[in-house]
């Protein structure tokens, strides 16, 4: 059995040949950061942005599902979407609390 010549052996450090070239990263979805920012704002300070984060996030998630591999930024989108839902729940709880307070004050004022 003969040894392969030096030109036939793979380069040192790569026993199975060189690694494949890196795949290009697809561009980030145009709404991924918007949904994330709206979701964070909804939970942190201003719950009125929650429904917007939820709605925009739902539309962008449908676009991700329809075109797999076309965009990156799915993690930002998912986090913003969930924070949008949480912000919407906080908004609803705030509206209910204000309504209860108003009804309580009206009831106390009549008595």
Protein backbone atom coordinates (compact mmCIF):
# COMPACT_ATOMS: atom_id res chain seq x y z
CA UNK A 1 0.00 0.00 0.00
CA UNK A 2 1.42 3.35 -0.98
CA UNK A 3 1.14 6.61 0.90
CA UNK A 4 -0.73 9.45 -0.84
CA UNK A 5 1.46 12.25 -2.01
CA UNK A 6 1.63 15.49 -0.05
CA UNK A 7 -0.61 17.24 -2.58
CA UNK A 8 -3.39 14.70 -1.99
CA UNK A 9 -3.51 14.94 1.83
CA UNK A 10 -5.95 17.36 3.49
CA UNK A 11 -4.40 20.39 5.16
CA UNK A 12 -3.35 19.91 8.76
CA UNK A 13 -6.04 20.78 11.29
CA UNK A 14 -8.80 19.71 8.89
CA UNK A 15 -8.85 15.91 8.86
CA UNK A 16 -11.94 15.84 6.62
CA UNK A 17 -11.15 18.84 4.49
CA UNK A 18 -11.80 22.54 5.07
CA UNK A 19 -15.11 23.60 6.62
CA UNK A 20 -17.82 24.82 4.29
CA UNK A 21 -18.11 28.56 3.82
CA UNK A 22 -20.49 30.27 6.25
CA UNK A 23 -24.06 30.71 5.11
CA UNK A 24 -25.09 34.32 4.68
CA UNK A 25 -27.31 35.64 7.46
CA UNK A 26 -30.68 36.75 6.07
CA UNK A 27 -31.72 40.34 6.76
CA UNK A 28 -33.64 41.09 9.93
CA UNK A 29 -37.41 41.32 9.57
CA UNK A 30 -38.39 45.00 9.27
CA UNK A 31 -40.83 44.76 12.19
CA UNK A 32 -38.77 42.63 14.60
CA UNK A 33 -37.15 45.50 16.50
CA UNK A 34 -40.34 47.58 16.36
CA UNK A 35 -42.34 44.81 18.03
CA UNK A 36 -39.62 44.32 20.65
CA UNK A 37 -39.47 48.03 21.51
CA UNK A 38 -43.26 48.37 21.67
CA UNK A 39 -43.51 45.28 23.88
CA UNK A 40 -40.84 46.52 26.29
CA UNK A 41 -42.49 49.93 26.52
CA UNK A 42 -45.87 48.27 27.11
CA UNK A 43 -44.60 46.32 30.10
CA UNK A 44 -42.23 48.92 31.51
CA UNK A 45 -44.13 52.18 31.29
CA UNK A 46 -46.96 52.62 28.83
CA UNK A 47 -49.38 49.70 28.39
CA UNK A 48 -51.21 51.39 25.50
CA UNK A 49 -48.47 50.14 23.18
CA UNK A 50 -49.22 46.50 24.09
CA UNK A 51 -52.02 45.92 21.58
CA UNK A 52 -49.87 47.42 18.82
CA UNK A 53 -46.94 45.13 19.66
CA UNK A 54 -49.34 42.17 19.77
CA UNK A 55 -50.96 42.98 16.41
CA UNK A 56 -47.76 43.82 14.54
CA UNK A 57 -46.06 40.78 16.07
CA UNK A 58 -48.87 38.47 14.99
CA UNK A 59 -48.67 39.73 11.42
CA UNK A 60 -44.88 39.40 11.33
CA UNK A 61 -45.05 35.87 12.78
CA UNK A 62 -47.40 34.88 9.96
CA UNK A 63 -44.87 36.28 7.49
CA UNK A 64 -42.10 34.26 9.16
CA UNK A 65 -44.18 31.10 8.90
CA UNK A 66 -45.07 31.76 5.25
CA UNK A 67 -41.44 32.40 4.22
CA UNK A 68 -39.06 30.29 6.36
CA UNK A 69 -35.43 31.33 6.11
CA UNK A 70 -36.14 34.66 4.44
CA UNK A 71 -35.57 36.80 7.56
CA UNK A 72 -33.70 36.71 10.82
CA UNK A 73 -34.79 38.34 14.08
CA UNK A 74 -37.35 35.76 15.10
CA UNK A 75 -36.21 35.84 18.73
CA UNK A 76 -36.75 39.59 19.03
CA UNK A 77 -40.13 39.16 17.40
CA UNK A 78 -41.24 36.42 19.80
CA UNK A 79 -40.13 38.37 22.89
CA UNK A 80 -41.87 41.53 21.69
CA UNK A 81 -45.01 39.57 20.84
CA UNK A 82 -45.21 38.02 24.32
CA UNK A 83 -44.47 41.36 25.98
CA UNK A 84 -47.23 42.88 23.84
CA UNK A 85 -49.68 40.31 25.20
CA UNK A 86 -48.52 41.00 28.77
CA UNK A 87 -48.82 44.75 28.17
CA UNK A 88 -52.34 44.30 26.81
CA UNK A 89 -53.34 42.32 29.90
CA UNK A 90 -51.86 45.08 32.10
CA UNK A 91 -53.84 47.64 30.10
CA UNK A 92 -57.07 45.71 30.60
CA UNK A 93 -56.39 45.35 34.33
CA UNK A 94 -55.75 49.09 34.54
CA UNK A 95 -58.98 49.93 32.74
CA UNK A 96 -60.92 47.59 35.05
CA UNK A 97 -59.26 49.15 38.12
CA UNK A 98 -60.12 52.67 36.96
CA UNK A 99 -63.72 51.64 36.25
CA UNK A 100 -64.04 50.11 39.72
CA UNK A 101 -62.62 53.27 41.30
CA UNK A 102 -65.00 55.50 39.36
CA UNK A 103 -67.99 53.35 40.30
CA UNK A 104 -66.86 53.33 43.93
CA UNK A 105 -66.58 57.12 44.03
CA UNK A 106 -70.00 57.52 42.36
CA UNK A 107 -71.55 55.13 44.88
CA UNK A 108 -69.93 56.96 47.82
CA UNK A 109 -70.97 60.35 46.48
CA UNK A 110 -74.64 59.31 46.29
CA UNK A 111 -74.78 58.10 49.87
